[in-house]
Amino acid sequence: MTPLRVLLLEEAASLTSGDRDRAYGEPVGNMQQIADIYNAITEQAISARDVALLHIATKLARLSKNAPHRDSYVDGMAYLGIAYECALADPLERKGAA
């Protein structure tokens, strides 16, 4: 029997490489677009990786109110993978990549 954590990871991978990819474009570019909009509105400077991490923060906050909410776990896993892709795509963030 496949462990639940593996099923959740597979679901997260499927979501970010399937329908959502087609609907919103590839995740790194989408996170950068969100960062660009945020930066224009706030005159701040956050990165695409920061946006993905903020989405994770949203999922963590939601889980603090509804611990068994499956979608928040799946989305959190997906955003963590996207944050890593953003880090690899950004030369300023890649310095510490292993």
PDB file of N, CA and C in Angstrom:
ATOM      1  N   MET A   1       0.841  -1.187   0.000  1.00  0.00           N
ATOM      2  CA  MET A   1       0.000   0.000   0.000  1.00  0.00           C
ATOM      3  C   MET A   1       0.886   1.251   0.000  1.00  0.00           C
ATOM      4  N   THR A   2       0.564   2.189  -0.862  1.00  0.00           N
ATOM      5  CA  THR A   2       1.334   3.423  -0.977  1.00  0.00           C
ATOM      6  C   THR A   2       1.071   4.311   0.239  1.00  0.00           C
ATOM      7  N   PRO A   3       2.146   4.798   0.916  1.00  0.00           N
ATOM      8  CA  PRO A   3       1.944   5.694   2.058  1.00  0.00           C
ATOM      9  C   PRO A   3       1.202   6.965   1.647  1.00  0.00           C
ATOM     10  N   LEU A   4       0.395   7.481   2.552  1.00  0.00           N
ATOM     11  CA  LEU A   4      -0.400   8.681   2.279  1.00  0.00           C
ATOM     12  C   LEU A   4       0.479   9.856   1.868  1.00  0.00           C
ATOM     13  N   ARG A   5       1.647  10.024   2.522  1.00  0.00           N
ATOM     14  CA  ARG A   5       2.522  11.147   2.176  1.00  0.00           C
ATOM     15  C   ARG A   5       2.950  11.089   0.710  1.00  0.00           C
ATOM     16  N   VAL A   6       3.149   9.877   0.194  1.00  0.00           N
ATOM     17  CA  VAL A   6       3.539   9.714  -1.205  1.00  0.00           C
ATOM     18  C   VAL A   6       2.363  10.069  -2.116  1.00  0.00           C
ATOM     19  N   LEU A   7       1.171   9.648  -1.726  1.00  0.00           N
ATOM     20  CA  LEU A   7      -0.014   9.999  -2.518  1.00  0.00           C
ATOM     21  C   LEU A   7      -0.212  11.513  -2.561  1.00  0.00           C
ATOM     22  N   LEU A   8       0.012  12.183  -1.422  1.00  0.00           N
ATOM     23  CA  LEU A   8      -0.119  13.650  -1.394  1.00  0.00           C
ATOM     24  C   LEU A   8       0.923  14.310  -2.285  1.00  0.00           C
ATOM     25  N   LEU A   9       2.153  13.818  -2.229  1.00  0.00           N
ATOM     26  CA  LEU A   9       3.205  14.374  -3.084  1.00  0.00           C
ATOM     27  C   LEU A   9       2.894  14.152  -4.562  1.00  0.00           C
ATOM     28  N   GLU A  10       2.379  12.980  -4.889  1.00  0.00           N
ATOM     29  CA  GLU A  10       2.003  12.705  -6.279  1.00  0.00           C
ATOM     30  C   GLU A  10       0.884  13.634  -6.730  1.00  0.00           C
ATOM     31  N   GLU A  11      -0.068  13.879  -5.844  1.00  0.00           N
ATOM     32  CA  GLU A  11      -1.158  14.797  -6.173  1.00  0.00           C
ATOM     33  C   GLU A  11      -0.635  16.205  -6.388  1.00  0.00           C
ATOM     34  N   ALA A  12       0.287  16.639  -5.521  1.00  0.00           N
ATOM     35  CA  ALA A  12       0.884  17.974  -5.662  1.00  0.00           C
ATOM     36  C   ALA A  12       1.630  18.085  -6.988  1.00  0.00           C
ATOM     37  N   ALA A  13       2.377  17.054  -7.335  1.00  0.00           N
ATOM     38  CA  ALA A  13       3.120  17.063  -8.596  1.00  0.00           C
ATOM     39  C   ALA A  13       2.167  17.107  -9.786  1.00  0.00           C
ATOM     40  N   SER A  14       1.112  16.347  -9.700  1.00  0.00           N
ATOM     41  CA  SER A  14       0.134  16.315 -10.785  1.00  0.00           C
ATOM     42  C   SER A  14      -0.528  17.678 -10.976  1.00  0.00           C
ATOM     43  N   LEU A  15      -0.887  18.317  -9.877  1.00  0.00           N
ATOM     44  CA  LEU A  15      -1.547  19.623  -9.964  1.00  0.00           C
ATOM     45  C   LEU A  15      -0.641  20.678 -10.593  1.00  0.00           C
ATOM     46  N   THR A  16       0.614  20.697 -10.178  1.00  0.00           N
ATOM     47  CA  THR A  16       1.499  21.764 -10.653  1.00  0.00           C
ATOM     48  C   THR A  16       2.056  21.496 -12.047  1.00  0.00           C
ATOM     49  N   SER A  17       1.896  20.291 -12.545  1.00  0.00           N
ATOM     50  CA  SER A  17       2.392  20.014 -13.894  1.00  0.00           C
ATOM     51  C   SER A  17       1.260  19.723 -14.870  1.00  0.00           C
ATOM     52  N   GLY A  18       0.031  19.859 -14.404  1.00  0.00           N
ATOM     53  CA  GLY A  18      -1.106  19.548 -15.259  1.00  0.00           C
ATOM     54  C   GLY A  18      -2.013  20.732 -15.478  1.00  0.00           C
ATOM     55  N   ASP A  19      -3.208  20.647 -14.910  1.00  0.00           N
ATOM     56  CA  ASP A  19      -4.239  21.664 -15.130  1.00  0.00           C
ATOM     57  C   ASP A  19      -3.781  23.068 -14.729  1.00  0.00           C
ATOM     58  N   ARG A  20      -3.155  23.192 -13.577  1.00  0.00           N
ATOM     59  CA  ARG A  20      -2.740  24.524 -13.124  1.00  0.00           C
ATOM     60  C   ARG A  20      -1.644  25.094 -14.010  1.00  0.00           C
ATOM     61  N   ASP A  21      -0.774  24.229 -14.494  1.00  0.00           N
ATOM     62  CA  ASP A  21       0.266  24.681 -15.424  1.00  0.00           C
ATOM     63  C   ASP A  21      -0.376  25.232 -16.690  1.00  0.00           C
ATOM     64  N   ARG A  22      -1.389  24.538 -17.194  1.00  0.00           N
ATOM     65  CA  ARG A  22      -2.072  24.989 -18.404  1.00  0.00           C
ATOM     66  C   ARG A  22      -2.885  26.257 -18.134  1.00  0.00           C
ATOM     67  N   ALA A  23      -3.485  26.354 -16.961  1.00  0.00           N
ATOM     68  CA  ALA A  23      -4.342  27.497 -16.646  1.00  0.00           C
ATOM     69  C   ALA A  23      -3.550  28.762 -16.349  1.00  0.00           C
ATOM     70  N   TYR A  24      -2.404  28.627 -15.656  1.00  0.00           N
ATOM     71  CA  TYR A  24      -1.675  29.807 -15.173  1.00  0.00           C
ATOM     72  C   TYR A  24      -0.280  29.964 -15.760  1.00  0.00           C
ATOM     73  N   GLY A  25       0.155  29.025 -16.568  1.00  0.00           N
ATOM     74  CA  GLY A  25       1.510  29.071 -17.096  1.00  0.00           C
ATOM     75  C   GLY A  25       2.465  28.371 -16.142  1.00  0.00           C
ATOM     76  N   GLU A  26       3.713  28.287 -16.549  1.00  0.00           N
ATOM     77  CA  GLU A  26       4.670  27.577 -15.700  1.00  0.00           C
ATOM     78  C   GLU A  26       4.852  28.328 -14.380  1.00  0.00           C
ATOM     79  N   PRO A  27       5.038  27.613 -13.281  1.00  0.00           N
ATOM     80  CA  PRO A  27       4.982  28.221 -11.958  1.00  0.00           C
ATOM     81  C   PRO A  27       6.024  29.310 -11.684  1.00  0.00           C
ATOM     82  N   VAL A  28       7.246  29.140 -12.142  1.00  0.00           N
ATOM     83  CA  VAL A  28       8.269  30.147 -11.849  1.00  0.00           C
ATOM     84  C   VAL A  28       7.891  31.483 -12.484  1.00  0.00           C
ATOM     85  N   GLY A  29       7.464  31.457 -13.717  1.00  0.00           N
ATOM     86  CA  GLY A  29       7.030  32.682 -14.389  1.00  0.00           C
ATOM     87  C   GLY A  29       5.813  33.300 -13.728  1.00  0.00           C
ATOM     88  N   ASN A  30       4.887  32.449 -13.287  1.00  0.00           N
ATOM     89  CA  ASN A  30       3.699  32.947 -12.603  1.00  0.00           C
ATOM     90  C   ASN A  30       4.058  33.599 -11.279  1.00  0.00           C
ATOM     91  N   MET A  31       4.961  32.974 -10.507  1.00  0.00           N
ATOM     92  CA  MET A  31       5.390  33.567  -9.236  1.00  0.00           C
ATOM     93  C   MET A  31       6.115  34.895  -9.474  1.00  0.00           C
ATOM     94  N   GLN A  32       6.888  34.965 -10.567  1.00  0.00           N
ATOM     95  CA  GLN A  32       7.591  36.217 -10.885  1.00  0.00           C
ATOM     96  C   GLN A  32       6.602  37.302 -11.275  1.00  0.00           C
ATOM     97  N   GLN A  33       5.574  36.931 -12.022  1.00  0.00           N
ATOM     98  CA  GLN A  33       4.549  37.908 -12.397  1.00  0.00           C
ATOM     99  C   GLN A  33       3.846  38.448 -11.152  1.00  0.00           C
ATOM    100  N   ILE A  34       3.522  37.568 -10.207  1.00  0.00           N
ATOM    101  CA  ILE A  34       2.907  38.005  -8.953  1.00  0.00           C
ATOM    102  C   ILE A  34       3.854  38.928  -8.198  1.00  0.00           C
ATOM    103  N   ALA A  35       5.137  38.572  -8.135  1.00  0.00           N
ATOM    104  CA  ALA A  35       6.128  39.420  -7.460  1.00  0.00           C
ATOM    105  C   ALA A  35       6.207  40.786  -8.126  1.00  0.00           C
ATOM    106  N   ASP A  36       6.202  40.811  -9.450  1.00  0.00           N
ATOM    107  CA  ASP A  36       6.277  42.089 -10.173  1.00  0.00           C
ATOM    108  C   ASP A  36       5.075  42.973  -9.849  1.00  0.00           C
ATOM    109  N   ILE A  37       3.897  42.385  -9.813  1.00  0.00           N
ATOM    110  CA  ILE A  37       2.691  43.153  -9.488  1.00  0.00           C
ATOM    111  C   ILE A  37       2.763  43.664  -8.055  1.00  0.00           C
ATOM    112  N   TYR A  38       3.121  42.785  -7.129  1.00  0.00           N
ATOM    113  CA  TYR A  38       3.252  43.176  -5.720  1.00  0.00           C
ATOM    114  C   TYR A  38       4.272  44.304  -5.573  1.00  0.00           C
ATOM    115  N   ASN A  39       5.396  44.156  -6.227  1.00  0.00           N
ATOM    116  CA  ASN A  39       6.455  45.163  -6.127  1.00  0.00           C
ATOM    117  C   ASN A  39       6.009  46.508  -6.699  1.00  0.00           C
ATOM    118  N   ALA A  40       5.247  46.487  -7.774  1.00  0.00           N
ATOM    119  CA  ALA A  40       4.742  47.730  -8.360  1.00  0.00           C
ATOM    120  C   ALA A  40       3.749  48.415  -7.427  1.00  0.00           C
ATOM    121  N   ILE A  41       2.910  47.626  -6.772  1.00  0.00           N
ATOM    122  CA  ILE A  41       1.902  48.189  -5.868  1.00  0.00           C
ATOM    123  C   ILE A  41       2.542  48.738  -4.593  1.00  0.00           C
ATOM    124  N   THR A  42       3.495  47.988  -4.031  1.00  0.00           N
ATOM    125  CA  THR A  42       4.028  48.326  -2.706  1.00  0.00           C
ATOM    126  C   THR A  42       5.365  49.055  -2.740  1.00  0.00           C
ATOM    127  N   GLU A  43       5.974  49.129  -3.915  1.00  0.00           N
ATOM    128  CA  GLU A  43       7.325  49.682  -4.060  1.00  0.00           C
ATOM    129  C   GLU A  43       8.331  48.914  -3.199  1.00  0.00           C
ATOM    130  N   GLN A  44       8.091  47.632  -3.066  1.00  0.00           N
ATOM    131  CA  GLN A  44       8.988  46.723  -2.351  1.00  0.00           C
ATOM    132  C   GLN A  44       9.755  45.899  -3.373  1.00  0.00           C
ATOM    133  N   ALA A  45      10.540  44.962  -2.890  1.00  0.00           N
ATOM    134  CA  ALA A  45      11.293  44.084  -3.782  1.00  0.00           C
ATOM    135  C   ALA A  45      11.280  42.666  -3.241  1.00  0.00           C
ATOM    136  N   ILE A  46      10.237  41.914  -3.611  1.00  0.00           N
ATOM    137  CA  ILE A  46      10.218  40.507  -3.250  1.00  0.00           C
ATOM    138  C   ILE A  46      10.474  39.693  -4.516  1.00  0.00           C
ATOM    139  N   SER A  47      10.955  38.490  -4.316  1.00  0.00           N
ATOM    140  CA  SER A  47      11.296  37.615  -5.434  1.00  0.00           C
ATOM    141  C   SER A  47      10.162  36.628  -5.715  1.00  0.00           C
ATOM    142  N   ALA A  48      10.303  35.914  -6.806  1.00  0.00           N
ATOM    143  CA  ALA A  48       9.350  34.857  -7.137  1.00  0.00           C
ATOM    144  C   ALA A  48       9.347  33.808  -6.020  1.00  0.00           C
ATOM    145  N   ARG A  49      10.509  33.485  -5.480  1.00  0.00           N
ATOM    146  CA  ARG A  49      10.605  32.528  -4.378  1.00  0.00           C
ATOM    147  C   ARG A  49       9.854  33.042  -3.157  1.00  0.00           C
ATOM    148  N   ASP A  50       9.987  34.330  -2.876  1.00  0.00           N
ATOM    149  CA  ASP A  50       9.254  34.920  -1.752  1.00  0.00           C
ATOM    150  C   ASP A  50       7.753  34.729  -1.912  1.00  0.00           C
ATOM    151  N   VAL A  51       7.258  34.891  -3.131  1.00  0.00           N
ATOM    152  CA  VAL A  51       5.821  34.714  -3.384  1.00  0.00           C
ATOM    153  C   VAL A  51       5.413  33.282  -3.059  1.00  0.00           C
ATOM    154  N   ALA A  52       6.192  32.307  -3.525  1.00  0.00           N
ATOM    155  CA  ALA A  52       5.870  30.912  -3.230  1.00  0.00           C
ATOM    156  C   ALA A  52       5.887  30.667  -1.724  1.00  0.00           C
ATOM    157  N   LEU A  53       6.862  31.251  -1.015  1.00  0.00           N
ATOM    158  CA  LEU A  53       6.935  31.087   0.436  1.00  0.00           C
ATOM    159  C   LEU A  53       5.743  31.745   1.129  1.00  0.00           C
ATOM    160  N   LEU A  54       5.280  32.873   0.599  1.00  0.00           N
ATOM    161  CA  LEU A  54       4.090  33.516   1.158  1.00  0.00           C
ATOM    162  C   LEU A  54       2.847  32.645   0.955  1.00  0.00           C
ATOM    163  N   HIS A  55       2.776  31.962  -0.182  1.00  0.00           N
ATOM    164  CA  HIS A  55       1.662  31.033  -0.401  1.00  0.00           C
ATOM    165  C   HIS A  55       1.727  29.890   0.617  1.00  0.00           C
ATOM    166  N   ILE A  56       2.930  29.427   0.933  1.00  0.00           N
ATOM    167  CA  ILE A  56       3.081  28.393   1.960  1.00  0.00           C
ATOM    168  C   ILE A  56       2.607  28.927   3.303  1.00  0.00           C
ATOM    169  N   ALA A  57       2.955  30.171   3.611  1.00  0.00           N
ATOM    170  CA  ALA A  57       2.513  30.786   4.863  1.00  0.00           C
ATOM    171  C   ALA A  57       0.984  30.821   4.938  1.00  0.00           C
ATOM    172  N   THR A  58       0.347  31.108   3.818  1.00  0.00           N
ATOM    173  CA  THR A  58      -1.122  31.095   3.774  1.00  0.00           C
ATOM    174  C   THR A  58      -1.650  29.711   4.108  1.00  0.00           C
ATOM    175  N   LYS A  59      -1.046  28.697   3.520  1.00  0.00           N
ATOM    176  CA  LYS A  59      -1.497  27.328   3.775  1.00  0.00           C
ATOM    177  C   LYS A  59      -1.279  26.951   5.237  1.00  0.00           C
ATOM    178  N   LEU A  60      -0.148  27.359   5.832  1.00  0.00           N
ATOM    179  CA  LEU A  60       0.117  27.069   7.242  1.00  0.00           C
ATOM    180  C   LEU A  60      -0.904  27.764   8.142  1.00  0.00           C
ATOM    181  N   ALA A  61      -1.227  29.003   7.821  1.00  0.00           N
ATOM    182  CA  ALA A  61      -2.230  29.728   8.614  1.00  0.00           C
ATOM    183  C   ALA A  61      -3.585  29.039   8.525  1.00  0.00           C
ATOM    184  N   ARG A  62      -3.933  28.591   7.343  1.00  0.00           N
ATOM    185  CA  ARG A  62      -5.216  27.897   7.181  1.00  0.00           C
ATOM    186  C   ARG A  62      -5.227  26.578   7.944  1.00  0.00           C
ATOM    187  N   LEU A  63      -4.089  25.872   7.931  1.00  0.00           N
ATOM    188  CA  LEU A  63      -4.008  24.612   8.660  1.00  0.00           C
ATOM    189  C   LEU A  63      -4.103  24.815  10.171  1.00  0.00           C
ATOM    190  N   SER A  64      -3.704  25.989  10.647  1.00  0.00           N
ATOM    191  CA  SER A  64      -3.821  26.244  12.084  1.00  0.00           C
ATOM    192  C   SER A  64      -5.288  26.340  12.505  1.00  0.00           C
ATOM    193  N   LYS A  65      -6.160  26.602  11.567  1.00  0.00           N
ATOM    194  CA  LYS A  65      -7.607  26.681  11.830  1.00  0.00           C
ATOM    195  C   LYS A  65      -8.340  25.391  11.463  1.00  0.00           C
ATOM    196  N   ASN A  66      -7.752  24.603  10.557  1.00  0.00           N
ATOM    197  CA  ASN A  66      -8.415  23.398  10.068  1.00  0.00           C
ATOM    198  C   ASN A  66      -7.346  22.346   9.760  1.00  0.00           C
ATOM    199  N   ALA A  67      -6.827  21.710  10.799  1.00  0.00           N
ATOM    200  CA  ALA A  67      -5.683  20.800  10.687  1.00  0.00           C
ATOM    201  C   ALA A  67      -5.854  19.661   9.685  1.00  0.00           C
ATOM    202  N   PRO A  68      -7.022  19.054   9.543  1.00  0.00           N
ATOM    203  CA  PRO A  68      -7.120  17.933   8.605  1.00  0.00           C
ATOM    204  C   PRO A  68      -7.443  18.319   7.160  1.00  0.00           C
ATOM    205  N   HIS A  69      -7.347  19.599   6.816  1.00  0.00           N
ATOM    206  CA  HIS A  69      -7.727  20.035   5.463  1.00  0.00           C
ATOM    207  C   HIS A  69      -6.686  19.571   4.440  1.00  0.00           C
ATOM    208  N   ARG A  70      -7.013  18.522   3.739  1.00  0.00           N
ATOM    209  CA  ARG A  70      -6.081  17.861   2.817  1.00  0.00           C
ATOM    210  C   ARG A  70      -5.507  18.816   1.760  1.00  0.00           C
ATOM    211  N   ASP A  71      -6.350  19.619   1.148  1.00  0.00           N
ATOM    212  CA  ASP A  71      -5.900  20.503   0.072  1.00  0.00           C
ATOM    213  C   ASP A  71      -4.784  21.441   0.513  1.00  0.00           C
ATOM    214  N   SER A  72      -4.833  21.902   1.746  1.00  0.00           N
ATOM    215  CA  SER A  72      -3.786  22.805   2.224  1.00  0.00           C
ATOM    216  C   SER A  72      -2.439  22.095   2.311  1.00  0.00           C
ATOM    217  N   TYR A  73      -2.449  20.826   2.691  1.00  0.00           N
ATOM    218  CA  TYR A  73      -1.206  20.057   2.717  1.00  0.00           C
ATOM    219  C   TYR A  73      -0.668  19.847   1.303  1.00  0.00           C
ATOM    220  N   VAL A  74      -1.555  19.463   0.409  1.00  0.00           N
ATOM    221  CA  VAL A  74      -1.146  19.226  -0.982  1.00  0.00           C
ATOM    222  C   VAL A  74      -0.607  20.518  -1.601  1.00  0.00           C
ATOM    223  N   ASP A  75      -1.346  21.609  -1.432  1.00  0.00           N
ATOM    224  CA  ASP A  75      -0.891  22.883  -1.996  1.00  0.00           C
ATOM    225  C   ASP A  75       0.430  23.328  -1.370  1.00  0.00           C
ATOM    226  N   GLY A  76       0.583  23.132  -0.058  1.00  0.00           N
ATOM    227  CA  GLY A  76       1.836  23.492   0.606  1.00  0.00           C
ATOM    228  C   GLY A  76       3.013  22.732   0.027  1.00  0.00           C
ATOM    229  N   MET A  77       2.820  21.431  -0.224  1.00  0.00           N
ATOM    230  CA  MET A  77       3.873  20.619  -0.834  1.00  0.00           C
ATOM    231  C   MET A  77       4.223  21.145  -2.227  1.00  0.00           C
ATOM    232  N   ALA A  78       3.191  21.477  -2.977  1.00  0.00           N
ATOM    233  CA  ALA A  78       3.414  21.989  -4.332  1.00  0.00           C
ATOM    234  C   ALA A  78       4.164  23.317  -4.294  1.00  0.00           C
ATOM    235  N   TYR A  79       3.759  24.218  -3.400  1.00  0.00           N
ATOM    236  CA  TYR A  79       4.424  25.514  -3.312  1.00  0.00           C
ATOM    237  C   TYR A  79       5.871  25.391  -2.851  1.00  0.00           C
ATOM    238  N   LEU A  80       6.170  24.422  -2.017  1.00  0.00           N
ATOM    239  CA  LEU A  80       7.551  24.233  -1.597  1.00  0.00           C
ATOM    240  C   LEU A  80       8.418  23.811  -2.785  1.00  0.00           C
ATOM    241  N   GLY A  81       7.882  22.940  -3.636  1.00  0.00           N
ATOM    242  CA  GLY A  81       8.605  22.561  -4.851  1.00  0.00           C
ATOM    243  C   GLY A  81       8.777  23.744  -5.792  1.00  0.00           C
ATOM    244  N   ILE A  82       7.747  24.555  -5.909  1.00  0.00           N
ATOM    245  CA  ILE A  82       7.814  25.748  -6.759  1.00  0.00           C
ATOM    246  C   ILE A  82       8.835  26.735  -6.199  1.00  0.00           C
ATOM    247  N   ALA A  83       8.875  26.886  -4.874  1.00  0.00           N
ATOM    248  CA  ALA A  83       9.855  27.784  -4.251  1.00  0.00           C
ATOM    249  C   ALA A  83      11.271  27.338  -4.604  1.00  0.00           C
ATOM    250  N   TYR A  84      11.505  26.046  -4.601  1.00  0.00           N
ATOM    251  CA  TYR A  84      12.828  25.521  -4.968  1.00  0.00           C
ATOM    252  C   TYR A  84      13.153  25.827  -6.430  1.00  0.00           C
ATOM    253  N   GLU A  85      12.183  25.624  -7.315  1.00  0.00           N
ATOM    254  CA  GLU A  85      12.402  25.947  -8.731  1.00  0.00           C
ATOM    255  C   GLU A  85      12.697  27.438  -8.903  1.00  0.00           C
ATOM    256  N   CYS A  86      11.990  28.282  -8.166  1.00  0.00           N
ATOM    257  CA  CYS A  86      12.234  29.729  -8.222  1.00  0.00           C
ATOM    258  C   CYS A  86      13.646  30.050  -7.752  1.00  0.00           C
ATOM    259  N   ALA A  87      14.074  29.395  -6.672  1.00  0.00           N
ATOM    260  CA  ALA A  87      15.421  29.628  -6.151  1.00  0.00           C
ATOM    261  C   ALA A  87      16.472  29.244  -7.183  1.00  0.00           C
ATOM    262  N   LEU A  88      16.264  28.134  -7.863  1.00  0.00           N
ATOM    263  CA  LEU A  88      17.230  27.696  -8.878  1.00  0.00           C
ATOM    264  C   LEU A  88      17.242  28.609 -10.093  1.00  0.00           C
ATOM    265  N   ALA A  89      16.102  29.218 -10.397  1.00  0.00           N
ATOM    266  CA  ALA A  89      16.001  30.086 -11.569  1.00  0.00           C
ATOM    267  C   ALA A  89      16.585  31.469 -11.318  1.00  0.00           C
ATOM    268  N   ASP A  90      16.777  31.836 -10.061  1.00  0.00           N
ATOM    269  CA  ASP A  90      17.240  33.179  -9.695  1.00  0.00           C
ATOM    270  C   ASP A  90      18.716  33.130  -9.332  1.00  0.00           C
ATOM    271  N   PRO A  91      19.578  33.761 -10.140  1.00  0.00           N
ATOM    272  CA  PRO A  91      21.019  33.697  -9.863  1.00  0.00           C
ATOM    273  C   PRO A  91      21.384  34.227  -8.473  1.00  0.00           C
ATOM    274  N   LEU A  92      20.617  35.173  -7.950  1.00  0.00           N
ATOM    275  CA  LEU A  92      20.906  35.711  -6.611  1.00  0.00           C
ATOM    276  C   LEU A  92      20.599  34.676  -5.527  1.00  0.00           C
ATOM    277  N   GLU A  93      19.660  33.791  -5.797  1.00  0.00           N
ATOM    278  CA  GLU A  93      19.253  32.796  -4.805  1.00  0.00           C
ATOM    279  C   GLU A  93      20.033  31.490  -4.960  1.00  0.00           C
ATOM    280  N   ARG A  94      20.652  31.289  -6.118  1.00  0.00           N
ATOM    281  CA  ARG A  94      21.311  30.014  -6.417  1.00  0.00           C
ATOM    282  C   ARG A  94      22.630  29.826  -5.703  1.00  0.00           C
ATOM    283  N   LYS A  95      23.167  30.846  -5.106  1.00  0.00           N
ATOM    284  CA  LYS A  95      24.486  30.745  -4.483  1.00  0.00           C
ATOM    285  C   LYS A  95      24.629  29.540  -3.568  1.00  0.00           C
ATOM    286  N   GLY A  96      23.590  29.253  -2.791  1.00  0.00           N
ATOM    287  CA  GLY A  96      23.674  28.173  -1.822  1.00  0.00           C
ATOM    288  C   GLY A  96      23.054  26.872  -2.278  1.00  0.00           C
ATOM    289  N   ALA A  97      22.713  26.744  -3.556  1.00  0.00           N
ATOM    290  CA  ALA A  97      22.044  25.527  -4.048  1.00  0.00           C
ATOM    291  C   ALA A  97      22.950  24.323  -3.925  1.00  0.00           C
ATOM    292  N   ALA A  98      22.327  23.242  -3.533  1.00  0.00           N
ATOM    293  CA  ALA A  98      23.088  21.984  -3.407  1.00  0.00           C
ATOM    294  C   ALA A  98      22.651  21.000  -4.464  1.00  0.00           C
TER     295      ALA A  98
END
